């Protein structure tokens, strides 16, 4: 008998006072209460600001210690890529809201723009600041398939902060459109897009 189904079905992870609260909450707020609330989200115009990241997963099978290098050797099985960073947030938001716009940045070298645009939901409309001579950030992870554990992570791309001219273009875009939205979400992954001036502008706008 496997223990996981038994634990999930017969042992509650919450203390008794939490269970009592959840029970009273469910009685006060039926499912239709939340369904109606979610339905109202679809009329919101949403803007998301943050870095574009491509998540690449290389699935490997452990072999043995390499005779030459003294390190673990893996056999590559397959790879797959997903849009990550702010674009993953946008795709999730698009399931609730009909208008989802994105302000982000791509490198001109290895931009992956075709893949990115194909991977976005139909109602996600991106605006990309182009960064000359840089790569769009790819986070490559090795995942061992027996236990699906991450073994390593390699970043491909330049994480330098925006140059002054790039920052001016970004701010000009935000100044021109930010008042058009009902909600604005900022997700800063720390890869150079969100400069102090940009952060100050957005913070002061909604202070």
N, C-alpha and C. Protein backbone atom coordinates (compact mmCIF):
# COMPACT_ATOMS: atom_id res chain seq x y z
N UNK A 1 0.86 -1.18 0.00
CA UNK A 1 0.00 0.00 0.00
C UNK A 1 0.89 1.23 0.00
N UNK A 2 0.61 2.15 -0.92
CA UNK A 2 1.38 3.38 -0.98
C UNK A 2 0.93 4.34 0.12
N UNK A 3 1.91 5.02 0.72
CA UNK A 3 1.59 5.89 1.86
C UNK A 3 0.98 7.23 1.43
N UNK A 4 1.35 7.74 0.25
CA UNK A 4 0.89 9.08 -0.15
C UNK A 4 -0.63 9.18 -0.22
N UNK A 5 -1.34 8.24 -0.90
CA UNK A 5 -2.81 8.34 -0.93
C UNK A 5 -3.43 8.27 0.46
N UNK A 6 -2.85 7.44 1.34
CA UNK A 6 -3.38 7.34 2.70
C UNK A 6 -3.22 8.66 3.44
N UNK A 7 -2.06 9.28 3.32
CA UNK A 7 -1.82 10.56 3.99
C UNK A 7 -2.75 11.64 3.44
N UNK A 8 -2.91 11.67 2.11
CA UNK A 8 -3.75 12.70 1.50
C UNK A 8 -5.22 12.55 1.86
N UNK A 9 -5.68 11.31 1.99
CA UNK A 9 -7.10 11.05 2.18
C UNK A 9 -7.54 10.98 3.64
N UNK A 10 -6.62 10.60 4.53
CA UNK A 10 -7.06 10.32 5.90
C UNK A 10 -6.37 11.15 6.98
N UNK A 11 -5.32 11.86 6.62
CA UNK A 11 -4.62 12.68 7.61
C UNK A 11 -4.65 14.12 7.13
N UNK A 12 -5.33 14.98 7.87
CA UNK A 12 -5.46 16.37 7.46
C UNK A 12 -4.22 17.15 7.88
N UNK A 13 -3.66 17.96 6.98
CA UNK A 13 -2.43 18.70 7.33
C UNK A 13 -2.67 19.95 8.15
N UNK A 14 -3.95 20.34 8.35
CA UNK A 14 -4.23 21.60 9.03
C UNK A 14 -4.66 21.37 10.48
N UNK A 15 -4.30 22.30 11.37
CA UNK A 15 -4.76 22.19 12.76
C UNK A 15 -6.27 22.42 12.85
N UNK A 16 -6.86 22.04 13.98
CA UNK A 16 -8.31 22.06 14.13
C UNK A 16 -8.90 23.46 13.99
N UNK A 17 -8.23 24.48 14.54
CA UNK A 17 -8.78 25.83 14.44
C UNK A 17 -8.81 26.33 13.00
N UNK A 18 -7.82 25.91 12.19
CA UNK A 18 -7.83 26.28 10.77
C UNK A 18 -8.97 25.57 10.05
N UNK A 19 -9.20 24.32 10.37
CA UNK A 19 -10.29 23.57 9.75
C UNK A 19 -11.64 24.20 10.07
N UNK A 20 -11.82 24.63 11.33
CA UNK A 20 -13.08 25.28 11.71
C UNK A 20 -13.28 26.59 10.95
N UNK A 21 -12.19 27.34 10.78
CA UNK A 21 -12.29 28.60 10.03
C UNK A 21 -12.65 28.33 8.57
N UNK A 22 -11.98 27.36 7.96
CA UNK A 22 -12.26 27.03 6.56
C UNK A 22 -13.69 26.57 6.37
N UNK A 23 -14.19 25.79 7.31
CA UNK A 23 -15.57 25.31 7.22
C UNK A 23 -16.56 26.46 7.30
N UNK A 24 -16.34 27.40 8.24
CA UNK A 24 -17.24 28.54 8.36
C UNK A 24 -17.13 29.46 7.14
N UNK A 25 -15.92 29.57 6.59
CA UNK A 25 -15.72 30.41 5.40
C UNK A 25 -16.49 29.84 4.22
N UNK A 26 -16.43 28.52 4.05
CA UNK A 26 -17.15 27.88 2.94
C UNK A 26 -18.67 28.07 3.07
N UNK A 27 -19.15 28.08 4.28
CA UNK A 27 -20.60 28.27 4.47
C UNK A 27 -21.02 29.70 4.15
N UNK A 28 -20.17 30.66 4.47
CA UNK A 28 -20.49 32.07 4.20
C UNK A 28 -20.31 32.42 2.73
N UNK A 29 -19.34 31.78 2.08
CA UNK A 29 -18.99 32.15 0.70
C UNK A 29 -19.06 30.90 -0.18
N UNK A 30 -20.17 30.63 -0.81
CA UNK A 30 -20.29 29.46 -1.69
C UNK A 30 -19.43 29.62 -2.94
N UNK A 31 -19.31 28.55 -3.68
CA UNK A 31 -18.48 28.56 -4.89
C UNK A 31 -18.91 29.64 -5.87
N UNK A 32 -20.21 29.88 -5.97
CA UNK A 32 -20.69 30.89 -6.92
C UNK A 32 -20.16 32.28 -6.58
N UNK A 33 -19.89 32.55 -5.30
CA UNK A 33 -19.32 33.84 -4.90
C UNK A 33 -17.99 34.07 -5.59
N UNK A 34 -17.13 33.06 -5.59
CA UNK A 34 -15.82 33.18 -6.21
C UNK A 34 -15.91 33.12 -7.72
N UNK A 35 -16.83 32.29 -8.23
CA UNK A 35 -16.99 32.20 -9.69
C UNK A 35 -17.41 33.55 -10.27
N UNK A 36 -18.33 34.23 -9.61
CA UNK A 36 -18.77 35.54 -10.08
C UNK A 36 -17.65 36.57 -9.98
N UNK A 37 -16.84 36.45 -8.93
CA UNK A 37 -15.72 37.38 -8.78
C UNK A 37 -14.72 37.19 -9.92
N UNK A 38 -14.40 35.95 -10.24
CA UNK A 38 -13.46 35.66 -11.32
C UNK A 38 -14.03 36.13 -12.66
N UNK A 39 -15.34 35.97 -12.86
CA UNK A 39 -15.97 36.42 -14.11
C UNK A 39 -15.78 37.92 -14.32
N UNK A 40 -15.74 38.67 -13.22
CA UNK A 40 -15.58 40.13 -13.35
C UNK A 40 -14.16 40.52 -13.77
N UNK A 41 -13.21 39.61 -13.59
CA UNK A 41 -11.83 39.90 -13.98
C UNK A 41 -11.69 40.11 -15.48
N UNK A 42 -12.56 39.47 -16.27
CA UNK A 42 -12.36 39.45 -17.71
C UNK A 42 -12.45 40.84 -18.34
N UNK A 43 -13.10 41.78 -17.68
CA UNK A 43 -13.24 43.13 -18.24
C UNK A 43 -12.07 44.05 -17.86
N UNK A 44 -11.14 43.56 -17.06
CA UNK A 44 -10.02 44.39 -16.63
C UNK A 44 -8.94 44.46 -17.71
N UNK A 45 -8.37 45.64 -17.88
CA UNK A 45 -7.21 45.81 -18.74
C UNK A 45 -5.96 45.76 -17.84
N UNK A 46 -5.07 44.84 -18.16
CA UNK A 46 -3.94 44.56 -17.28
C UNK A 46 -2.63 44.79 -18.02
N UNK A 47 -1.69 45.43 -17.34
CA UNK A 47 -0.34 45.61 -17.87
C UNK A 47 0.65 44.90 -16.95
N UNK A 48 1.55 44.11 -17.54
CA UNK A 48 2.61 43.44 -16.79
C UNK A 48 3.95 43.95 -17.26
N UNK A 49 4.83 44.24 -16.31
CA UNK A 49 6.15 44.80 -16.61
C UNK A 49 7.19 43.89 -15.97
N UNK A 50 8.16 43.44 -16.74
CA UNK A 50 9.20 42.60 -16.17
C UNK A 50 10.04 41.94 -17.24
N UNK A 51 10.98 41.12 -16.81
CA UNK A 51 11.95 40.53 -17.72
C UNK A 51 11.42 39.27 -18.41
N UNK A 52 11.81 39.16 -19.67
CA UNK A 52 11.54 37.95 -20.44
C UNK A 52 12.62 36.92 -20.14
N UNK A 53 12.20 35.71 -19.84
CA UNK A 53 13.12 34.60 -19.59
C UNK A 53 12.60 33.39 -20.36
N UNK A 54 13.50 32.67 -20.99
CA UNK A 54 13.13 31.38 -21.58
C UNK A 54 13.67 30.28 -20.67
N UNK A 55 12.79 29.40 -20.25
CA UNK A 55 13.18 28.28 -19.39
C UNK A 55 13.38 27.04 -20.26
N UNK A 56 14.61 26.55 -20.28
CA UNK A 56 14.94 25.33 -21.03
C UNK A 56 15.24 24.20 -20.06
N UNK A 57 14.58 23.08 -20.25
CA UNK A 57 14.78 21.91 -19.39
C UNK A 57 15.40 20.79 -20.22
N UNK A 58 16.59 20.37 -19.82
CA UNK A 58 17.26 19.23 -20.45
C UNK A 58 17.09 18.02 -19.53
N UNK A 59 16.36 17.05 -19.99
CA UNK A 59 16.08 15.86 -19.18
C UNK A 59 17.17 14.82 -19.42
N UNK A 60 17.79 14.37 -18.33
CA UNK A 60 18.93 13.47 -18.44
C UNK A 60 18.74 12.24 -17.56
N UNK A 61 19.50 11.22 -17.89
CA UNK A 61 19.51 9.98 -17.11
C UNK A 61 20.92 9.76 -16.58
N UNK A 62 21.06 9.58 -15.27
CA UNK A 62 22.38 9.39 -14.67
C UNK A 62 23.00 8.09 -15.17
N UNK A 63 24.28 8.17 -15.50
CA UNK A 63 24.99 6.98 -15.98
C UNK A 63 25.96 6.47 -14.92
N UNK A 64 27.09 7.15 -14.78
CA UNK A 64 28.11 6.72 -13.81
C UNK A 64 29.13 7.84 -13.70
N UNK A 65 30.11 7.64 -12.83
CA UNK A 65 31.19 8.61 -12.71
C UNK A 65 32.09 8.50 -13.94
N UNK A 66 32.37 9.65 -14.57
CA UNK A 66 33.22 9.67 -15.75
C UNK A 66 34.63 9.21 -15.40
N UNK A 67 35.18 8.32 -16.21
CA UNK A 67 36.53 7.80 -15.94
C UNK A 67 37.61 8.85 -16.17
N UNK A 68 37.31 9.83 -17.01
CA UNK A 68 38.32 10.85 -17.31
C UNK A 68 38.20 12.06 -16.39
N UNK A 69 37.00 12.52 -16.17
CA UNK A 69 36.84 13.77 -15.44
C UNK A 69 36.52 13.59 -13.97
N UNK A 70 36.15 12.39 -13.56
CA UNK A 70 35.79 12.16 -12.17
C UNK A 70 34.51 12.85 -11.74
N UNK A 71 33.63 13.12 -12.71
CA UNK A 71 32.34 13.76 -12.42
C UNK A 71 31.21 12.87 -12.92
N UNK A 72 30.00 13.15 -12.44
CA UNK A 72 28.86 12.36 -12.86
C UNK A 72 28.56 12.59 -14.34
N UNK A 73 28.41 11.51 -15.07
CA UNK A 73 28.05 11.58 -16.48
C UNK A 73 26.56 11.31 -16.64
N UNK A 74 25.91 12.07 -17.50
CA UNK A 74 24.48 11.92 -17.77
C UNK A 74 24.25 11.65 -19.25
N UNK A 75 23.20 10.91 -19.53
CA UNK A 75 22.77 10.71 -20.91
C UNK A 75 21.60 11.63 -21.20
N UNK A 76 21.73 12.46 -22.24
CA UNK A 76 20.66 13.39 -22.59
C UNK A 76 19.50 12.62 -23.22
N UNK A 77 18.29 12.89 -22.72
CA UNK A 77 17.11 12.21 -23.22
C UNK A 77 16.26 13.12 -24.10
N UNK A 78 15.98 14.32 -23.63
CA UNK A 78 15.15 15.24 -24.41
C UNK A 78 15.27 16.63 -23.81
N UNK A 79 14.77 17.62 -24.54
CA UNK A 79 14.76 19.00 -24.06
C UNK A 79 13.43 19.64 -24.43
N UNK A 80 13.01 20.60 -23.63
CA UNK A 80 11.84 21.40 -23.97
C UNK A 80 12.01 22.80 -23.39
N UNK A 81 11.38 23.76 -24.08
CA UNK A 81 11.50 25.16 -23.68
C UNK A 81 10.12 25.76 -23.43
N UNK A 82 10.07 26.69 -22.50
CA UNK A 82 8.85 27.40 -22.15
C UNK A 82 9.17 28.89 -22.02
N UNK A 83 8.17 29.73 -22.29
CA UNK A 83 8.37 31.15 -21.96
C UNK A 83 8.22 31.30 -20.46
N UNK A 84 9.17 31.99 -19.86
CA UNK A 84 9.15 32.19 -18.41
C UNK A 84 9.17 33.66 -18.07
N UNK A 85 9.52 33.96 -16.83
CA UNK A 85 9.56 35.34 -16.40
C UNK A 85 8.20 36.01 -16.51
N UNK A 86 8.19 37.24 -16.97
CA UNK A 86 6.94 38.00 -17.06
C UNK A 86 5.98 37.41 -18.07
N UNK A 87 6.49 36.67 -19.07
CA UNK A 87 5.62 36.09 -20.09
C UNK A 87 4.80 34.93 -19.54
N UNK A 88 5.39 34.17 -18.62
CA UNK A 88 4.62 33.11 -17.96
C UNK A 88 3.50 33.73 -17.13
N UNK A 89 3.82 34.83 -16.43
CA UNK A 89 2.78 35.53 -15.66
C UNK A 89 1.66 36.01 -16.58
N UNK A 90 2.03 36.54 -17.75
CA UNK A 90 1.03 37.05 -18.68
C UNK A 90 0.12 35.95 -19.19
N UNK A 91 0.69 34.79 -19.51
CA UNK A 91 -0.13 33.68 -19.98
C UNK A 91 -1.11 33.22 -18.92
N UNK A 92 -0.68 33.20 -17.66
CA UNK A 92 -1.60 32.86 -16.57
C UNK A 92 -2.70 33.91 -16.44
N UNK A 93 -2.32 35.17 -16.49
CA UNK A 93 -3.29 36.25 -16.36
C UNK A 93 -4.30 36.22 -17.49
N UNK A 94 -3.87 35.78 -18.67
CA UNK A 94 -4.74 35.76 -19.85
C UNK A 94 -5.90 34.79 -19.71
N UNK A 95 -5.80 33.84 -18.80
CA UNK A 95 -6.93 32.92 -18.58
C UNK A 95 -8.07 33.60 -17.83
N UNK A 96 -7.79 34.73 -17.19
CA UNK A 96 -8.80 35.45 -16.41
C UNK A 96 -9.23 36.77 -17.06
N UNK A 97 -8.31 37.44 -17.74
CA UNK A 97 -8.56 38.79 -18.25
C UNK A 97 -8.46 38.79 -19.78
N UNK A 98 -9.34 39.55 -20.41
CA UNK A 98 -9.37 39.55 -21.87
C UNK A 98 -8.28 40.42 -22.48
N UNK A 99 -7.82 41.44 -21.76
CA UNK A 99 -6.78 42.34 -22.27
C UNK A 99 -5.57 42.27 -21.36
N UNK A 100 -4.49 41.68 -21.87
CA UNK A 100 -3.25 41.55 -21.11
C UNK A 100 -2.10 42.04 -21.99
N UNK A 101 -1.48 43.13 -21.60
CA UNK A 101 -0.35 43.69 -22.32
C UNK A 101 0.92 43.53 -21.50
N UNK A 102 2.03 43.45 -22.20
CA UNK A 102 3.32 43.21 -21.54
C UNK A 102 4.33 44.25 -22.03
N UNK A 103 5.11 44.78 -21.11
CA UNK A 103 6.28 45.59 -21.44
C UNK A 103 7.51 44.84 -20.94
N UNK A 104 8.39 44.50 -21.87
CA UNK A 104 9.57 43.72 -21.51
C UNK A 104 10.70 44.06 -22.47
N UNK A 105 11.72 43.23 -22.52
CA UNK A 105 12.88 43.49 -23.38
C UNK A 105 13.39 42.18 -23.97
N UNK A 106 13.93 42.29 -25.20
CA UNK A 106 14.58 41.17 -25.86
C UNK A 106 15.93 41.62 -26.39
N UNK A 107 16.88 40.70 -26.45
CA UNK A 107 18.13 40.99 -27.12
C UNK A 107 17.96 40.86 -28.62
N UNK A 108 18.82 41.53 -29.37
CA UNK A 108 18.77 41.41 -30.83
C UNK A 108 19.57 40.21 -31.32
N UNK A 109 20.47 39.70 -30.50
CA UNK A 109 21.25 38.51 -30.83
C UNK A 109 20.63 37.32 -30.11
N UNK A 110 20.22 36.30 -30.87
CA UNK A 110 19.49 35.17 -30.27
C UNK A 110 18.29 35.69 -29.49
N UNK A 111 17.42 36.41 -30.18
CA UNK A 111 16.27 37.03 -29.51
C UNK A 111 15.19 36.01 -29.16
N UNK A 112 15.07 34.92 -29.95
CA UNK A 112 14.04 33.90 -29.77
C UNK A 112 12.63 34.50 -29.91
N UNK A 113 12.53 35.60 -30.64
CA UNK A 113 11.25 36.32 -30.71
C UNK A 113 10.15 35.48 -31.36
N UNK A 114 10.47 34.75 -32.42
CA UNK A 114 9.44 33.93 -33.08
C UNK A 114 8.87 32.89 -32.12
N UNK A 115 9.76 32.20 -31.40
CA UNK A 115 9.31 31.20 -30.42
C UNK A 115 8.46 31.86 -29.34
N UNK A 116 8.90 33.02 -28.88
CA UNK A 116 8.18 33.72 -27.80
C UNK A 116 6.78 34.10 -28.24
N UNK A 117 6.66 34.69 -29.43
CA UNK A 117 5.34 35.13 -29.89
C UNK A 117 4.42 33.95 -30.13
N UNK A 118 4.97 32.83 -30.59
CA UNK A 118 4.13 31.62 -30.79
C UNK A 118 3.65 31.06 -29.47
N UNK A 119 4.40 31.31 -28.40
CA UNK A 119 4.10 30.71 -27.11
C UNK A 119 3.14 31.53 -26.26
N UNK A 120 2.80 32.72 -26.71
CA UNK A 120 1.92 33.58 -25.92
C UNK A 120 0.46 33.31 -26.23
N UNK A 121 -0.38 33.47 -25.21
CA UNK A 121 -1.83 33.36 -25.42
C UNK A 121 -2.29 34.43 -26.41
N UNK A 122 -3.41 34.15 -27.08
CA UNK A 122 -3.87 35.04 -28.14
C UNK A 122 -4.15 36.46 -27.62
N UNK A 123 -4.59 36.57 -26.39
CA UNK A 123 -4.94 37.88 -25.86
C UNK A 123 -3.81 38.55 -25.09
N UNK A 124 -2.59 38.05 -25.25
CA UNK A 124 -1.41 38.70 -24.68
C UNK A 124 -0.71 39.48 -25.79
N UNK A 125 -0.58 40.79 -25.59
CA UNK A 125 0.05 41.65 -26.58
C UNK A 125 1.34 42.24 -25.99
N UNK A 126 2.51 41.82 -26.50
CA UNK A 126 3.76 42.31 -25.91
C UNK A 126 4.32 43.52 -26.65
N UNK A 127 5.01 44.37 -25.89
CA UNK A 127 5.87 45.41 -26.46
C UNK A 127 7.27 45.15 -25.91
N UNK A 128 8.22 45.00 -26.84
CA UNK A 128 9.57 44.63 -26.42
C UNK A 128 10.55 45.77 -26.70
N UNK A 129 11.27 46.17 -25.67
CA UNK A 129 12.44 47.02 -25.84
C UNK A 129 13.55 46.15 -26.42
N UNK A 130 14.16 46.60 -27.52
CA UNK A 130 15.24 45.80 -28.11
C UNK A 130 16.58 46.27 -27.57
N UNK A 131 17.39 45.31 -27.16
CA UNK A 131 18.71 45.59 -26.59
C UNK A 131 19.77 45.09 -27.57
N UNK A 132 20.43 46.06 -28.22
CA UNK A 132 21.36 45.75 -29.29
C UNK A 132 22.55 44.91 -28.82
N UNK A 133 22.82 43.85 -29.60
CA UNK A 133 23.99 43.02 -29.37
C UNK A 133 23.92 42.07 -28.20
N UNK A 134 22.75 41.97 -27.53
CA UNK A 134 22.62 41.09 -26.37
C UNK A 134 21.72 39.90 -26.71
N UNK A 135 21.84 38.85 -25.90
CA UNK A 135 20.98 37.67 -26.03
C UNK A 135 19.78 37.81 -25.10
N UNK A 136 18.64 37.31 -25.52
CA UNK A 136 17.52 37.13 -24.60
C UNK A 136 17.91 36.05 -23.59
N UNK A 137 17.62 36.28 -22.33
CA UNK A 137 18.08 35.39 -21.27
C UNK A 137 17.42 34.02 -21.37
N UNK A 138 18.24 32.98 -21.40
CA UNK A 138 17.78 31.59 -21.35
C UNK A 138 18.35 30.95 -20.09
N UNK A 139 17.47 30.36 -19.28
CA UNK A 139 17.91 29.61 -18.11
C UNK A 139 17.79 28.12 -18.43
N UNK A 140 18.94 27.49 -18.54
CA UNK A 140 19.02 26.08 -18.94
C UNK A 140 19.25 25.22 -17.70
N UNK A 141 18.37 24.26 -17.51
CA UNK A 141 18.45 23.41 -16.32
C UNK A 141 18.55 21.94 -16.71
N UNK A 142 19.42 21.22 -16.04
CA UNK A 142 19.50 19.78 -16.20
C UNK A 142 18.63 19.12 -15.14
N UNK A 143 17.73 18.24 -15.57
CA UNK A 143 16.81 17.58 -14.66
C UNK A 143 16.99 16.07 -14.79
N UNK A 144 17.35 15.43 -13.69
CA UNK A 144 17.50 13.96 -13.67
C UNK A 144 16.12 13.34 -13.58
N UNK A 145 15.80 12.43 -14.48
CA UNK A 145 14.42 12.00 -14.66
C UNK A 145 13.93 10.96 -13.65
N UNK A 146 14.82 10.26 -12.97
CA UNK A 146 14.34 9.25 -12.02
C UNK A 146 13.56 9.89 -10.87
N UNK A 147 14.07 10.99 -10.34
CA UNK A 147 13.40 11.68 -9.23
C UNK A 147 13.02 13.12 -9.60
N UNK A 148 13.23 13.49 -10.87
CA UNK A 148 12.95 14.84 -11.35
C UNK A 148 13.59 15.91 -10.45
N UNK A 149 14.86 15.71 -10.17
CA UNK A 149 15.63 16.68 -9.38
C UNK A 149 16.51 17.50 -10.32
N UNK A 150 16.60 18.81 -10.05
CA UNK A 150 17.46 19.68 -10.84
C UNK A 150 18.91 19.47 -10.43
N UNK A 151 19.77 19.25 -11.41
CA UNK A 151 21.18 19.01 -11.13
C UNK A 151 22.03 20.26 -11.30
N UNK A 152 21.67 21.08 -12.26
CA UNK A 152 22.46 22.29 -12.50
C UNK A 152 21.62 23.31 -13.24
N UNK A 153 22.09 24.56 -13.25
CA UNK A 153 21.40 25.63 -13.95
C UNK A 153 22.44 26.55 -14.57
N UNK A 154 22.28 26.81 -15.87
CA UNK A 154 23.21 27.65 -16.59
C UNK A 154 22.45 28.80 -17.24
N UNK A 155 22.95 30.04 -17.06
CA UNK A 155 22.32 31.20 -17.67
C UNK A 155 23.03 31.53 -18.98
N UNK A 156 22.24 31.73 -20.04
CA UNK A 156 22.77 32.17 -21.32
C UNK A 156 22.18 33.55 -21.60
N UNK A 157 23.04 34.58 -21.59
CA UNK A 157 22.55 35.93 -21.85
C UNK A 157 23.23 36.94 -20.95
N UNK A 158 23.06 38.19 -21.30
CA UNK A 158 23.67 39.30 -20.58
C UNK A 158 22.64 39.90 -19.63
N UNK A 159 22.99 40.02 -18.35
CA UNK A 159 22.07 40.56 -17.35
C UNK A 159 22.42 41.99 -16.96
N UNK A 160 23.14 42.70 -17.82
CA UNK A 160 23.54 44.05 -17.48
C UNK A 160 22.34 44.99 -17.44
N UNK A 161 22.44 46.04 -16.64
CA UNK A 161 21.36 47.01 -16.53
C UNK A 161 21.19 47.77 -17.83
N UNK A 162 20.03 48.36 -18.01
CA UNK A 162 19.76 49.13 -19.22
C UNK A 162 20.73 50.29 -19.35
N UNK A 163 21.14 50.55 -20.60
CA UNK A 163 21.88 51.76 -20.89
C UNK A 163 20.93 52.96 -20.82
N UNK A 164 21.48 54.15 -20.74
CA UNK A 164 20.64 55.35 -20.57
C UNK A 164 19.62 55.48 -21.70
N UNK A 165 20.05 55.25 -22.95
CA UNK A 165 19.12 55.38 -24.08
C UNK A 165 18.02 54.33 -24.01
N UNK A 166 18.37 53.12 -23.58
CA UNK A 166 17.36 52.07 -23.43
C UNK A 166 16.37 52.41 -22.33
N UNK A 167 16.89 52.94 -21.23
CA UNK A 167 16.04 53.34 -20.12
C UNK A 167 15.06 54.43 -20.56
N UNK A 168 15.52 55.39 -21.37
CA UNK A 168 14.65 56.46 -21.85
C UNK A 168 13.53 55.90 -22.72
N UNK A 169 13.83 54.93 -23.57
CA UNK A 169 12.79 54.33 -24.42
C UNK A 169 11.77 53.58 -23.58
N UNK A 170 12.24 52.87 -22.56
CA UNK A 170 11.33 52.15 -21.68
C UNK A 170 10.42 53.12 -20.93
N UNK A 171 11.00 54.16 -20.37
CA UNK A 171 10.19 55.13 -19.62
C UNK A 171 9.20 55.84 -20.53
N UNK A 172 9.61 56.17 -21.75
CA UNK A 172 8.70 56.82 -22.69
C UNK A 172 7.50 55.92 -22.98
N UNK A 173 7.74 54.64 -23.12
CA UNK A 173 6.63 53.70 -23.35
C UNK A 173 5.70 53.66 -22.15
N UNK A 174 6.26 53.54 -20.96
CA UNK A 174 5.42 53.45 -19.76
C UNK A 174 4.63 54.73 -19.54
N UNK A 175 5.27 55.87 -19.73
CA UNK A 175 4.57 57.15 -19.55
C UNK A 175 3.40 57.26 -20.52
N UNK A 176 3.58 56.73 -21.74
CA UNK A 176 2.55 56.85 -22.76
C UNK A 176 1.35 55.95 -22.57
N UNK A 177 1.52 54.83 -21.85
CA UNK A 177 0.42 53.84 -21.81
C UNK A 177 -0.08 53.50 -20.41
N UNK A 178 0.65 53.82 -19.37
CA UNK A 178 0.36 53.24 -18.06
C UNK A 178 -1.01 53.67 -17.52
N UNK A 179 -1.48 54.83 -17.92
CA UNK A 179 -2.79 55.30 -17.43
C UNK A 179 -3.96 54.59 -18.09
N UNK A 180 -3.70 53.78 -19.10
CA UNK A 180 -4.78 53.11 -19.83
C UNK A 180 -5.26 51.83 -19.14
N UNK A 181 -4.61 51.44 -18.04
CA UNK A 181 -4.87 50.11 -17.47
C UNK A 181 -5.55 50.18 -16.10
N UNK A 182 -6.35 49.14 -15.84
CA UNK A 182 -7.00 49.01 -14.55
C UNK A 182 -6.05 48.45 -13.49
N UNK A 183 -5.16 47.55 -13.92
CA UNK A 183 -4.20 46.93 -13.02
C UNK A 183 -2.83 46.93 -13.67
N UNK A 184 -1.81 47.18 -12.87
CA UNK A 184 -0.42 47.12 -13.34
C UNK A 184 0.36 46.22 -12.39
N UNK A 185 0.98 45.18 -12.94
CA UNK A 185 1.80 44.26 -12.14
C UNK A 185 3.25 44.40 -12.58
N UNK A 186 4.14 44.49 -11.61
CA UNK A 186 5.58 44.52 -11.88
C UNK A 186 6.21 43.31 -11.20
N UNK A 187 6.97 42.54 -11.99
CA UNK A 187 7.70 41.40 -11.44
C UNK A 187 9.17 41.60 -11.81
N UNK A 188 9.98 41.89 -10.81
CA UNK A 188 11.41 42.18 -11.03
C UNK A 188 12.22 40.94 -10.69
N UNK A 189 12.80 40.31 -11.71
CA UNK A 189 13.61 39.11 -11.50
C UNK A 189 15.09 39.44 -11.29
N UNK A 190 15.41 40.73 -11.31
CA UNK A 190 16.78 41.14 -11.01
C UNK A 190 17.77 40.95 -12.14
N UNK A 191 17.28 41.00 -13.40
CA UNK A 191 18.17 40.78 -14.53
C UNK A 191 18.39 42.04 -15.36
N UNK A 192 18.19 43.22 -14.76
CA UNK A 192 18.64 44.45 -15.40
C UNK A 192 17.58 45.35 -15.98
N UNK A 193 16.35 44.89 -16.14
CA UNK A 193 15.32 45.72 -16.77
C UNK A 193 14.85 46.85 -15.86
N UNK A 194 14.65 46.54 -14.58
CA UNK A 194 14.07 47.50 -13.65
C UNK A 194 15.17 48.36 -13.03
N UNK A 195 15.38 49.52 -13.63
CA UNK A 195 16.38 50.46 -13.12
C UNK A 195 15.78 51.29 -11.98
N UNK A 196 16.62 51.96 -11.18
CA UNK A 196 16.07 52.81 -10.11
C UNK A 196 15.09 53.86 -10.61
N UNK A 197 15.36 54.48 -11.77
CA UNK A 197 14.44 55.49 -12.31
C UNK A 197 13.09 54.87 -12.66
N UNK A 198 13.13 53.70 -13.26
CA UNK A 198 11.88 53.03 -13.65
C UNK A 198 11.08 52.64 -12.41
N UNK A 199 11.77 52.12 -11.41
CA UNK A 199 11.10 51.75 -10.16
C UNK A 199 10.48 52.98 -9.50
N UNK A 200 11.23 54.08 -9.47
CA UNK A 200 10.71 55.31 -8.87
C UNK A 200 9.48 55.81 -9.63
N UNK A 201 9.52 55.77 -10.95
CA UNK A 201 8.39 56.24 -11.73
C UNK A 201 7.13 55.44 -11.43
N UNK A 202 7.25 54.12 -11.42
CA UNK A 202 6.08 53.27 -11.18
C UNK A 202 5.60 53.43 -9.73
N UNK A 203 6.53 53.49 -8.79
CA UNK A 203 6.15 53.63 -7.38
C UNK A 203 5.42 54.94 -7.13
N UNK A 204 5.95 56.02 -7.69
CA UNK A 204 5.33 57.34 -7.49
C UNK A 204 3.98 57.43 -8.20
N UNK A 205 3.84 56.70 -9.29
CA UNK A 205 2.59 56.73 -10.04
C UNK A 205 1.44 56.18 -9.21
N UNK A 206 1.73 55.20 -8.37
CA UNK A 206 0.65 54.52 -7.63
C UNK A 206 0.76 54.75 -6.12
N UNK A 207 1.57 55.71 -5.72
CA UNK A 207 1.75 55.98 -4.28
C UNK A 207 0.49 56.64 -3.71
